[in-house]
Amino acid sequence: MKPQNEMDKKIINAFYEVLKSSSFAKAKVTNITELAGISHQTFYRYYLDKYDLSLKIATGKFSAFHDIYSTNATWKEVVVSMLNSMKNYPVFFKKLLADPEGADIVLQSIVSITGTFTGNRISKHSAAAWISIFKDWGKDDFKAPIQDVYNQMRTFISIKEVLSKEEIEKIMSIYENQPLNYFKTKPK
């Protein structure tokens, strides 16, 4: 999210500061407004609450790929860009992911971006797996290399999100018709 103006920047920066010393659950609008030196009324002119603020920040950070690649981004570039956003804003994303409501905000952001840029919805299975991967990565202070996290994410993509029904049928037909010794000798 690109702050719209100086007041917006002030609110976002104050929120980041609050999260440095507080969990997402304990972060209050009052803390943000006091640190920003603004009234509650000013905060509410920009955001409905801390959840709205968090969702807009997360979605903005995750959408950064669009500024770089426009609509020519590959799926991998989008995912790697999202991972870079988490790594570049570790306090914000770590605090969100450590909290059930915050993790749901990250999930909402991913669902929103997926829908906006692909016209499709990420499956519940893939989304849940990704959030789990992100939580573990955050607990480790985002130390694992982005490529390793990306590879983990790839393994949890529903095949229906990647292949057409016809392609799945063709592959499954080949798989279903293999003799049992095929599975014993197949490299893993």
N, C-alpha and C. Protein backbone atom coordinates (compact mmCIF):
# COMPACT_ATOMS: atom_id res chain seq x y z
N MET A 1 0.84 -1.17 0.00
CA MET A 1 0.00 0.00 0.00
C MET A 1 0.88 1.23 0.00
N LYS A 2 0.62 2.10 -0.92
CA LYS A 2 1.34 3.37 -0.94
C LYS A 2 0.52 4.36 -0.13
N PRO A 3 1.12 4.94 0.90
CA PRO A 3 0.37 5.94 1.66
C PRO A 3 -0.09 7.06 0.74
N GLN A 4 -1.32 7.49 0.94
CA GLN A 4 -1.91 8.50 0.08
C GLN A 4 -1.35 9.90 0.34
N ASN A 5 -1.03 10.17 1.59
CA ASN A 5 -0.55 11.50 1.95
C ASN A 5 0.23 11.42 3.25
N GLU A 6 0.65 12.54 3.75
CA GLU A 6 1.47 12.57 4.97
C GLU A 6 0.72 12.01 6.19
N MET A 7 -0.57 12.28 6.29
CA MET A 7 -1.34 11.77 7.42
C MET A 7 -1.41 10.25 7.37
N ASP A 8 -1.64 9.73 6.19
CA ASP A 8 -1.68 8.29 6.00
C ASP A 8 -0.34 7.67 6.41
N LYS A 9 0.76 8.27 5.98
CA LYS A 9 2.11 7.80 6.35
C LYS A 9 2.28 7.83 7.86
N LYS A 10 1.81 8.88 8.47
CA LYS A 10 1.93 9.04 9.92
C LYS A 10 1.20 7.90 10.65
N ILE A 11 0.01 7.59 10.20
CA ILE A 11 -0.78 6.52 10.82
C ILE A 11 -0.09 5.17 10.63
N ILE A 12 0.35 4.89 9.43
CA ILE A 12 1.00 3.60 9.14
C ILE A 12 2.29 3.47 9.94
N ASN A 13 3.10 4.49 9.95
CA ASN A 13 4.36 4.43 10.71
C ASN A 13 4.10 4.27 12.21
N ALA A 14 3.08 4.93 12.72
CA ALA A 14 2.75 4.77 14.14
C ALA A 14 2.31 3.33 14.41
N PHE A 15 1.54 2.76 13.51
CA PHE A 15 1.10 1.37 13.67
C PHE A 15 2.31 0.43 13.68
N TYR A 16 3.25 0.63 12.78
CA TYR A 16 4.48 -0.18 12.77
C TYR A 16 5.20 -0.07 14.11
N GLU A 17 5.28 1.15 14.64
CA GLU A 17 5.95 1.35 15.93
C GLU A 17 5.22 0.65 17.06
N VAL A 18 3.91 0.73 17.06
CA VAL A 18 3.11 0.05 18.09
C VAL A 18 3.38 -1.45 18.05
N LEU A 19 3.45 -2.00 16.85
CA LEU A 19 3.66 -3.45 16.71
C LEU A 19 5.05 -3.89 17.15
N LYS A 20 6.00 -2.98 17.18
CA LYS A 20 7.34 -3.34 17.67
C LYS A 20 7.32 -3.74 19.14
N SER A 21 6.40 -3.16 19.89
CA SER A 21 6.37 -3.43 21.33
C SER A 21 5.08 -4.09 21.81
N SER A 22 4.21 -4.44 20.89
CA SER A 22 2.92 -5.01 21.27
C SER A 22 2.51 -6.08 20.28
N SER A 23 1.75 -7.04 20.76
CA SER A 23 1.20 -8.04 19.85
C SER A 23 0.09 -7.38 19.03
N PHE A 24 -0.31 -8.02 17.96
CA PHE A 24 -1.40 -7.49 17.15
C PHE A 24 -2.68 -7.38 17.99
N ALA A 25 -2.95 -8.39 18.80
CA ALA A 25 -4.17 -8.41 19.62
C ALA A 25 -4.20 -7.24 20.60
N LYS A 26 -3.04 -6.87 21.11
CA LYS A 26 -2.99 -5.80 22.12
C LYS A 26 -2.81 -4.41 21.52
N ALA A 27 -2.51 -4.34 20.24
CA ALA A 27 -2.38 -3.04 19.57
C ALA A 27 -3.77 -2.41 19.48
N LYS A 28 -3.88 -1.20 19.94
CA LYS A 28 -5.16 -0.49 19.96
C LYS A 28 -5.07 0.77 19.10
N VAL A 29 -6.20 1.19 18.59
CA VAL A 29 -6.25 2.43 17.82
C VAL A 29 -5.75 3.59 18.70
N THR A 30 -6.08 3.54 19.97
CA THR A 30 -5.61 4.59 20.90
C THR A 30 -4.09 4.67 20.89
N ASN A 31 -3.41 3.52 20.90
CA ASN A 31 -1.94 3.51 20.86
C ASN A 31 -1.43 4.17 19.57
N ILE A 32 -2.10 3.85 18.48
CA ILE A 32 -1.69 4.38 17.18
C ILE A 32 -1.90 5.90 17.13
N THR A 33 -3.07 6.35 17.57
CA THR A 33 -3.36 7.78 17.50
C THR A 33 -2.45 8.58 18.43
N GLU A 34 -2.19 8.05 19.62
CA GLU A 34 -1.29 8.75 20.55
C GLU A 34 0.10 8.89 19.95
N LEU A 35 0.61 7.79 19.40
CA LEU A 35 1.96 7.81 18.82
C LEU A 35 2.02 8.71 17.59
N ALA A 36 0.96 8.72 16.80
CA ALA A 36 0.92 9.56 15.60
C ALA A 36 0.63 11.02 15.93
N GLY A 37 0.14 11.26 17.14
CA GLY A 37 -0.22 12.63 17.52
C GLY A 37 -1.44 13.13 16.79
N ILE A 38 -2.42 12.23 16.61
CA ILE A 38 -3.65 12.60 15.90
C ILE A 38 -4.86 12.20 16.75
N SER A 39 -6.01 12.69 16.36
CA SER A 39 -7.24 12.33 17.07
C SER A 39 -7.79 11.02 16.51
N HIS A 40 -8.68 10.40 17.29
CA HIS A 40 -9.36 9.20 16.82
C HIS A 40 -10.16 9.52 15.54
N GLN A 41 -10.75 10.68 15.54
CA GLN A 41 -11.56 11.09 14.39
C GLN A 41 -10.71 11.10 13.11
N THR A 42 -9.49 11.59 13.23
CA THR A 42 -8.60 11.61 12.06
C THR A 42 -8.28 10.18 11.62
N PHE A 43 -7.98 9.30 12.58
CA PHE A 43 -7.70 7.90 12.23
C PHE A 43 -8.88 7.31 11.48
N TYR A 44 -10.09 7.52 12.01
CA TYR A 44 -11.28 6.90 11.41
C TYR A 44 -11.69 7.52 10.07
N ARG A 45 -11.11 8.66 9.73
CA ARG A 45 -11.31 9.21 8.39
C ARG A 45 -10.60 8.36 7.34
N TYR A 46 -9.53 7.70 7.78
CA TYR A 46 -8.72 6.89 6.87
C TYR A 46 -9.02 5.40 6.95
N TYR A 47 -9.33 4.92 8.14
CA TYR A 47 -9.50 3.47 8.34
C TYR A 47 -10.68 3.19 9.27
N LEU A 48 -11.31 2.04 9.05
CA LEU A 48 -12.43 1.65 9.90
C LEU A 48 -11.96 1.22 11.28
N ASP A 49 -10.82 0.54 11.32
CA ASP A 49 -10.24 0.03 12.57
C ASP A 49 -8.85 -0.53 12.26
N LYS A 50 -8.21 -1.15 13.23
CA LYS A 50 -6.86 -1.68 13.00
C LYS A 50 -6.88 -2.84 12.00
N TYR A 51 -8.00 -3.53 11.90
CA TYR A 51 -8.12 -4.64 10.96
C TYR A 51 -8.13 -4.12 9.52
N ASP A 52 -8.88 -3.07 9.30
CA ASP A 52 -8.92 -2.43 7.99
C ASP A 52 -7.54 -1.88 7.63
N LEU A 53 -6.89 -1.23 8.58
CA LEU A 53 -5.55 -0.71 8.36
C LEU A 53 -4.60 -1.85 8.00
N SER A 54 -4.65 -2.94 8.74
CA SER A 54 -3.76 -4.08 8.50
C SER A 54 -4.02 -4.71 7.14
N LEU A 55 -5.28 -4.87 6.80
CA LEU A 55 -5.64 -5.47 5.51
C LEU A 55 -5.14 -4.60 4.36
N LYS A 56 -5.31 -3.31 4.47
CA LYS A 56 -4.86 -2.41 3.40
C LYS A 56 -3.34 -2.41 3.28
N ILE A 57 -2.65 -2.47 4.42
CA ILE A 57 -1.18 -2.52 4.37
C ILE A 57 -0.74 -3.83 3.74
N ALA A 58 -1.27 -4.96 4.23
CA ALA A 58 -0.86 -6.27 3.71
C ALA A 58 -1.15 -6.39 2.22
N THR A 59 -2.34 -6.00 1.81
CA THR A 59 -2.71 -6.09 0.40
C THR A 59 -1.82 -5.18 -0.44
N GLY A 60 -1.52 -4.02 0.07
CA GLY A 60 -0.62 -3.11 -0.64
C GLY A 60 0.78 -3.67 -0.79
N LYS A 61 1.29 -4.24 0.28
CA LYS A 61 2.63 -4.84 0.23
C LYS A 61 2.64 -6.03 -0.72
N PHE A 62 1.62 -6.87 -0.64
CA PHE A 62 1.55 -8.05 -1.51
C PHE A 62 1.32 -7.66 -2.97
N SER A 63 0.77 -6.50 -3.23
CA SER A 63 0.51 -6.05 -4.60
C SER A 63 1.69 -5.33 -5.22
N ALA A 64 2.79 -5.24 -4.50
CA ALA A 64 3.96 -4.50 -4.99
C ALA A 64 4.46 -5.02 -6.34
N PHE A 65 4.26 -6.31 -6.59
CA PHE A 65 4.70 -6.88 -7.87
C PHE A 65 4.10 -6.14 -9.05
N HIS A 66 2.88 -5.61 -8.87
CA HIS A 66 2.20 -4.94 -9.97
C HIS A 66 2.95 -3.68 -10.40
N ASP A 67 3.57 -2.99 -9.45
CA ASP A 67 4.36 -1.80 -9.78
C ASP A 67 5.60 -2.17 -10.60
N ILE A 68 6.11 -3.38 -10.37
CA ILE A 68 7.33 -3.81 -11.07
C ILE A 68 7.00 -4.45 -12.41
N TYR A 69 6.06 -5.40 -12.39
CA TYR A 69 5.80 -6.21 -13.58
C TYR A 69 4.53 -5.85 -14.33
N SER A 70 3.67 -5.04 -13.75
CA SER A 70 2.35 -4.76 -14.31
C SER A 70 1.58 -6.07 -14.39
N THR A 71 0.80 -6.26 -15.43
CA THR A 71 0.03 -7.50 -15.54
C THR A 71 0.83 -8.60 -16.23
N ASN A 72 2.10 -8.34 -16.52
CA ASN A 72 2.95 -9.33 -17.15
C ASN A 72 3.65 -10.24 -16.14
N ALA A 73 3.35 -10.09 -14.88
CA ALA A 73 4.00 -10.89 -13.85
C ALA A 73 3.63 -12.36 -14.00
N THR A 74 4.62 -13.21 -13.81
CA THR A 74 4.34 -14.63 -13.78
C THR A 74 3.85 -14.99 -12.37
N TRP A 75 3.26 -16.16 -12.26
CA TRP A 75 2.78 -16.60 -10.96
C TRP A 75 3.94 -16.66 -9.96
N LYS A 76 5.08 -17.17 -10.40
CA LYS A 76 6.25 -17.26 -9.51
C LYS A 76 6.71 -15.87 -9.08
N GLU A 77 6.74 -14.92 -10.00
CA GLU A 77 7.16 -13.55 -9.65
C GLU A 77 6.23 -12.94 -8.61
N VAL A 78 4.94 -13.20 -8.73
CA VAL A 78 3.97 -12.68 -7.77
C VAL A 78 4.23 -13.28 -6.39
N VAL A 79 4.37 -14.59 -6.34
CA VAL A 79 4.58 -15.26 -5.04
C VAL A 79 5.90 -14.83 -4.42
N VAL A 80 6.96 -14.78 -5.20
CA VAL A 80 8.26 -14.36 -4.68
C VAL A 80 8.19 -12.90 -4.19
N SER A 81 7.46 -12.07 -4.90
CA SER A 81 7.27 -10.68 -4.47
C SER A 81 6.55 -10.62 -3.13
N MET A 82 5.52 -11.46 -2.96
CA MET A 82 4.80 -11.50 -1.69
C MET A 82 5.73 -11.94 -0.56
N LEU A 83 6.54 -12.94 -0.83
CA LEU A 83 7.49 -13.43 0.18
C LEU A 83 8.51 -12.35 0.53
N ASN A 84 8.98 -11.62 -0.49
CA ASN A 84 9.90 -10.51 -0.23
C ASN A 84 9.24 -9.45 0.64
N SER A 85 7.96 -9.20 0.42
CA SER A 85 7.25 -8.22 1.24
C SER A 85 7.25 -8.64 2.70
N MET A 86 7.00 -9.91 2.94
CA MET A 86 7.01 -10.40 4.32
C MET A 86 8.39 -10.27 4.94
N LYS A 87 9.39 -10.60 4.16
CA LYS A 87 10.77 -10.53 4.67
C LYS A 87 11.20 -9.07 4.89
N ASN A 88 10.71 -8.16 4.05
CA ASN A 88 11.08 -6.75 4.16
C ASN A 88 10.32 -6.01 5.27
N TYR A 89 9.20 -6.56 5.70
CA TYR A 89 8.40 -5.96 6.78
C TYR A 89 8.16 -7.03 7.85
N PRO A 90 9.27 -7.54 8.43
CA PRO A 90 9.15 -8.70 9.31
C PRO A 90 8.32 -8.47 10.57
N VAL A 91 8.44 -7.31 11.17
CA VAL A 91 7.68 -7.07 12.40
C VAL A 91 6.18 -7.08 12.10
N PHE A 92 5.78 -6.37 11.09
CA PHE A 92 4.36 -6.30 10.72
C PHE A 92 3.80 -7.69 10.43
N PHE A 93 4.46 -8.42 9.53
CA PHE A 93 3.92 -9.72 9.14
C PHE A 93 4.06 -10.76 10.24
N LYS A 94 5.13 -10.71 10.99
CA LYS A 94 5.30 -11.67 12.08
C LYS A 94 4.20 -11.48 13.13
N LYS A 95 3.90 -10.24 13.46
CA LYS A 95 2.85 -9.97 14.45
C LYS A 95 1.47 -10.38 13.92
N LEU A 96 1.22 -10.13 12.64
CA LEU A 96 -0.06 -10.56 12.07
C LEU A 96 -0.17 -12.07 12.09
N LEU A 97 0.85 -12.75 11.63
CA LEU A 97 0.80 -14.20 11.52
C LEU A 97 0.75 -14.91 12.86
N ALA A 98 1.24 -14.26 13.90
CA ALA A 98 1.24 -14.87 15.24
C ALA A 98 -0.12 -14.80 15.91
N ASP A 99 -1.04 -14.04 15.33
CA ASP A 99 -2.36 -13.83 15.90
C ASP A 99 -3.41 -14.44 14.97
N PRO A 100 -4.37 -15.19 15.50
CA PRO A 100 -5.39 -15.79 14.62
C PRO A 100 -6.13 -14.77 13.75
N GLU A 101 -6.51 -13.63 14.33
CA GLU A 101 -7.20 -12.61 13.53
C GLU A 101 -6.25 -11.97 12.52
N GLY A 102 -5.00 -11.80 12.91
CA GLY A 102 -4.00 -11.25 12.00
C GLY A 102 -3.71 -12.19 10.85
N ALA A 103 -3.60 -13.49 11.16
CA ALA A 103 -3.38 -14.48 10.10
C ALA A 103 -4.55 -14.49 9.13
N ASP A 104 -5.75 -14.28 9.65
CA ASP A 104 -6.92 -14.20 8.78
C ASP A 104 -6.84 -12.98 7.86
N ILE A 105 -6.25 -11.91 8.33
CA ILE A 105 -6.06 -10.72 7.49
C ILE A 105 -5.10 -11.04 6.35
N VAL A 106 -4.01 -11.76 6.65
CA VAL A 106 -3.07 -12.16 5.61
C VAL A 106 -3.80 -13.04 4.59
N LEU A 107 -4.61 -13.96 5.08
CA LEU A 107 -5.39 -14.83 4.20
C LEU A 107 -6.34 -14.01 3.32
N GLN A 108 -7.06 -13.07 3.92
CA GLN A 108 -7.97 -12.22 3.14
C GLN A 108 -7.22 -11.46 2.05
N SER A 109 -6.03 -11.01 2.39
CA SER A 109 -5.22 -10.28 1.43
C SER A 109 -4.83 -11.17 0.25
N ILE A 110 -4.41 -12.39 0.55
CA ILE A 110 -4.03 -13.33 -0.51
C ILE A 110 -5.23 -13.65 -1.40
N VAL A 111 -6.37 -13.90 -0.78
CA VAL A 111 -7.59 -14.19 -1.53
C VAL A 111 -7.95 -13.00 -2.43
N SER A 112 -7.85 -11.80 -1.89
CA SER A 112 -8.16 -10.59 -2.65
C SER A 112 -7.24 -10.44 -3.86
N ILE A 113 -5.96 -10.60 -3.63
CA ILE A 113 -4.99 -10.45 -4.72
C ILE A 113 -5.20 -11.52 -5.78
N THR A 114 -5.40 -12.75 -5.34
CA THR A 114 -5.63 -13.85 -6.28
C THR A 114 -6.84 -13.54 -7.16
N GLY A 115 -7.91 -13.11 -6.53
CA GLY A 115 -9.13 -12.80 -7.28
C GLY A 115 -8.95 -11.63 -8.21
N THR A 116 -8.30 -10.59 -7.73
CA THR A 116 -8.12 -9.39 -8.54
C THR A 116 -7.26 -9.64 -9.77
N PHE A 117 -6.16 -10.35 -9.60
CA PHE A 117 -5.21 -10.47 -10.70
C PHE A 117 -5.39 -11.71 -11.56
N THR A 118 -6.09 -12.73 -11.07
CA THR A 118 -6.26 -13.94 -11.88
C THR A 118 -7.72 -14.21 -12.22
N GLY A 119 -8.62 -13.59 -11.46
CA GLY A 119 -10.03 -13.87 -11.66
C GLY A 119 -10.47 -15.17 -10.99
N ASN A 120 -9.53 -15.84 -10.34
CA ASN A 120 -9.83 -17.11 -9.66
C ASN A 120 -9.62 -16.95 -8.16
N ARG A 121 -10.20 -17.88 -7.42
CA ARG A 121 -9.99 -17.90 -5.98
C ARG A 121 -9.01 -19.00 -5.62
N ILE A 122 -8.12 -18.72 -4.71
CA ILE A 122 -7.22 -19.74 -4.20
C ILE A 122 -8.06 -20.75 -3.42
N SER A 123 -7.73 -22.02 -3.50
CA SER A 123 -8.51 -23.03 -2.78
C SER A 123 -8.28 -22.89 -1.27
N LYS A 124 -9.25 -23.32 -0.50
CA LYS A 124 -9.11 -23.26 0.96
C LYS A 124 -7.93 -24.10 1.41
N HIS A 125 -7.72 -25.23 0.77
CA HIS A 125 -6.61 -26.11 1.12
C HIS A 125 -5.27 -25.40 0.90
N SER A 126 -5.09 -24.82 -0.27
CA SER A 126 -3.84 -24.12 -0.57
C SER A 126 -3.64 -22.94 0.37
N ALA A 127 -4.70 -22.17 0.57
CA ALA A 127 -4.59 -20.99 1.44
C ALA A 127 -4.22 -21.39 2.86
N ALA A 128 -4.86 -22.42 3.40
CA ALA A 128 -4.55 -22.87 4.76
C ALA A 128 -3.11 -23.35 4.86
N ALA A 129 -2.66 -24.08 3.85
CA ALA A 129 -1.29 -24.57 3.85
C ALA A 129 -0.31 -23.40 3.78
N TRP A 130 -0.60 -22.43 2.92
CA TRP A 130 0.28 -21.27 2.80
C TRP A 130 0.37 -20.50 4.11
N ILE A 131 -0.76 -20.28 4.76
CA ILE A 131 -0.75 -19.54 6.03
C ILE A 131 0.10 -20.30 7.05
N SER A 132 -0.02 -21.60 7.07
CA SER A 132 0.78 -22.42 7.98
C SER A 132 2.28 -22.26 7.68
N ILE A 133 2.62 -22.28 6.41
CA ILE A 133 4.01 -22.09 6.00
C ILE A 133 4.49 -20.70 6.41
N PHE A 134 3.67 -19.68 6.17
CA PHE A 134 4.04 -18.30 6.55
C PHE A 134 4.22 -18.18 8.05
N LYS A 135 3.33 -18.80 8.83
CA LYS A 135 3.45 -18.74 10.30
C LYS A 135 4.78 -19.34 10.75
N ASP A 136 5.10 -20.51 10.22
CA ASP A 136 6.37 -21.16 10.59
C ASP A 136 7.56 -20.30 10.18
N TRP A 137 7.48 -19.72 9.01
CA TRP A 137 8.56 -18.86 8.52
C TRP A 137 8.71 -17.64 9.43
N GLY A 138 7.57 -17.06 9.83
CA GLY A 138 7.60 -15.90 10.73
C GLY A 138 8.17 -16.25 12.10
N LYS A 139 7.81 -17.42 12.62
CA LYS A 139 8.36 -17.86 13.92
C LYS A 139 9.88 -17.97 13.85
N ASP A 140 10.38 -18.28 12.67
CA ASP A 140 11.82 -18.39 12.45
C ASP A 140 12.42 -17.06 11.98
N ASP A 141 11.68 -15.97 12.18
CA ASP A 141 12.12 -14.63 11.79
C ASP A 141 12.45 -14.51 10.30
N PHE A 142 11.73 -15.26 9.48
CA PHE A 142 11.87 -15.20 8.03
C PHE A 142 13.30 -15.50 7.58
N LYS A 143 13.99 -16.38 8.30
CA LYS A 143 15.39 -16.70 8.00
C LYS A 143 15.55 -17.64 6.80
N ALA A 144 14.61 -18.55 6.61
CA ALA A 144 14.74 -19.50 5.50
C ALA A 144 14.77 -18.73 4.18
N PRO A 145 15.57 -19.19 3.24
CA PRO A 145 15.63 -18.52 1.93
C PRO A 145 14.25 -18.52 1.25
N ILE A 146 13.97 -17.45 0.56
CA ILE A 146 12.69 -17.29 -0.13
C ILE A 146 12.44 -18.46 -1.09
N GLN A 147 13.46 -18.91 -1.79
CA GLN A 147 13.27 -20.02 -2.73
C GLN A 147 12.80 -21.28 -2.00
N ASP A 148 13.30 -21.52 -0.80
CA ASP A 148 12.87 -22.70 -0.03
C ASP A 148 11.40 -22.57 0.37
N VAL A 149 11.01 -21.39 0.78
CA VAL A 149 9.61 -21.16 1.17
C VAL A 149 8.71 -21.29 -0.05
N TYR A 150 9.14 -20.73 -1.15
CA TYR A 150 8.39 -20.84 -2.41
C TYR A 150 8.19 -22.31 -2.78
N ASN A 151 9.26 -23.09 -2.70
CA ASN A 151 9.16 -24.52 -3.03
C ASN A 151 8.19 -25.24 -2.10
N GLN A 152 8.18 -24.89 -0.85
CA GLN A 152 7.20 -25.46 0.08
C GLN A 152 5.79 -25.12 -0.37
N MET A 153 5.58 -23.87 -0.72
CA MET A 153 4.25 -23.42 -1.14
C MET A 153 3.78 -24.18 -2.38
N ARG A 154 4.68 -24.39 -3.31
CA ARG A 154 4.32 -25.10 -4.54
C ARG A 154 3.76 -26.48 -4.27
N THR A 155 4.29 -27.15 -3.25
CA THR A 155 3.83 -28.51 -2.97
C THR A 155 2.41 -28.56 -2.44
N PHE A 156 1.87 -27.43 -2.03
CA PHE A 156 0.52 -27.41 -1.46
C PHE A 156 -0.51 -26.75 -2.37
N ILE A 157 -0.18 -26.63 -3.63
CA ILE A 157 -1.15 -26.07 -4.57
C ILE A 157 -2.06 -27.19 -5.04
N SER A 158 -3.32 -26.97 -4.97
CA SER A 158 -4.27 -27.95 -5.47
C SER A 158 -4.08 -28.11 -6.96
N ILE A 159 -4.04 -29.34 -7.41
CA ILE A 159 -3.85 -29.61 -8.84
C ILE A 159 -4.95 -28.97 -9.68
N LYS A 160 -6.14 -28.81 -9.08
CA LYS A 160 -7.25 -28.19 -9.81
C LYS A 160 -7.01 -26.71 -10.06
N GLU A 161 -6.07 -26.12 -9.32
CA GLU A 161 -5.74 -24.72 -9.54
C GLU A 161 -4.75 -24.54 -10.68
N VAL A 162 -4.13 -25.63 -11.09
CA VAL A 162 -3.06 -25.56 -12.09
C VAL A 162 -3.47 -26.18 -13.42
N LEU A 163 -4.17 -27.30 -13.35
CA LEU A 163 -4.50 -28.03 -14.57
C LEU A 163 -6.00 -27.99 -14.86
N SER A 164 -6.31 -28.11 -16.13
CA SER A 164 -7.72 -28.19 -16.52
C SER A 164 -8.26 -29.58 -16.16
N LYS A 165 -9.57 -29.71 -16.19
CA LYS A 165 -10.21 -30.99 -15.89
C LYS A 165 -9.71 -32.07 -16.86
N GLU A 166 -9.55 -31.71 -18.12
CA GLU A 166 -9.09 -32.66 -19.13
C GLU A 166 -7.65 -33.10 -18.85
N GLU A 167 -6.80 -32.16 -18.47
CA GLU A 167 -5.41 -32.51 -18.16
C GLU A 167 -5.33 -33.42 -16.94
N ILE A 168 -6.14 -33.15 -15.95
CA ILE A 168 -6.18 -34.00 -14.74
C ILE A 168 -6.63 -35.41 -15.11
N GLU A 169 -7.67 -35.49 -15.92
CA GLU A 169 -8.18 -36.81 -16.35
C GLU A 169 -7.09 -37.60 -17.06
N LYS A 170 -6.36 -36.96 -17.94
CA LYS A 170 -5.31 -37.63 -18.70
C LYS A 170 -4.21 -38.15 -17.77
N ILE A 171 -3.76 -37.30 -16.86
CA ILE A 171 -2.71 -37.70 -15.92
C ILE A 171 -3.19 -38.80 -14.99
N MET A 172 -4.40 -38.65 -14.47
CA MET A 172 -4.94 -39.66 -13.56
C MET A 172 -5.13 -40.99 -14.26
N SER A 173 -5.50 -40.97 -15.51
CA SER A 173 -5.68 -42.20 -16.27
C SER A 173 -4.35 -42.95 -16.38
N ILE A 174 -3.28 -42.22 -16.63
CA ILE A 174 -1.95 -42.83 -16.69
C ILE A 174 -1.59 -43.40 -15.32
N TYR A 175 -1.80 -42.62 -14.29
CA TYR A 175 -1.46 -43.01 -12.92
C TYR A 175 -2.26 -44.23 -12.48
N GLU A 176 -3.55 -44.21 -12.72
CA GLU A 176 -4.43 -45.30 -12.27
C GLU A 176 -4.12 -46.62 -12.95
N ASN A 177 -3.54 -46.57 -14.11
CA ASN A 177 -3.31 -47.79 -14.88
C ASN A 177 -1.88 -48.32 -14.77
N GLN A 178 -1.17 -47.88 -13.76
CA GLN A 178 0.19 -48.38 -13.54
C GLN A 178 0.14 -49.63 -12.66
N PRO A 179 1.01 -50.63 -12.95
CA PRO A 179 1.09 -51.80 -12.07
C PRO A 179 1.74 -51.40 -10.74
N LEU A 180 1.49 -52.17 -9.72
CA LEU A 180 1.98 -51.85 -8.38
C LEU A 180 3.50 -51.71 -8.32
N ASN A 181 4.24 -52.50 -9.09
CA ASN A 181 5.71 -52.38 -9.03
C ASN A 181 6.20 -51.02 -9.55
N TYR A 182 5.39 -50.33 -10.34
CA TYR A 182 5.73 -48.98 -10.80
C TYR A 182 5.93 -48.05 -9.60
N PHE A 183 5.08 -48.17 -8.61
CA PHE A 183 5.15 -47.29 -7.45
C PHE A 183 6.33 -47.60 -6.55
N LYS A 184 6.77 -48.87 -6.53
CA LYS A 184 7.94 -49.25 -5.72
C LYS A 184 9.23 -48.73 -6.34
N THR A 185 9.30 -48.69 -7.64
CA THR A 185 10.54 -48.30 -8.32
C THR A 185 10.56 -46.84 -8.73
N LYS A 186 9.43 -46.18 -8.58
CA LYS A 186 9.36 -44.77 -8.98
C LYS A 186 10.22 -43.91 -8.06
N PRO A 187 11.15 -43.10 -8.62
CA PRO A 187 11.98 -42.23 -7.78
C PRO A 187 11.13 -41.18 -7.07
N LYS A 188 11.50 -40.89 -5.85
CA LYS A 188 10.74 -39.92 -5.05
C LYS A 188 11.39 -38.57 -5.07
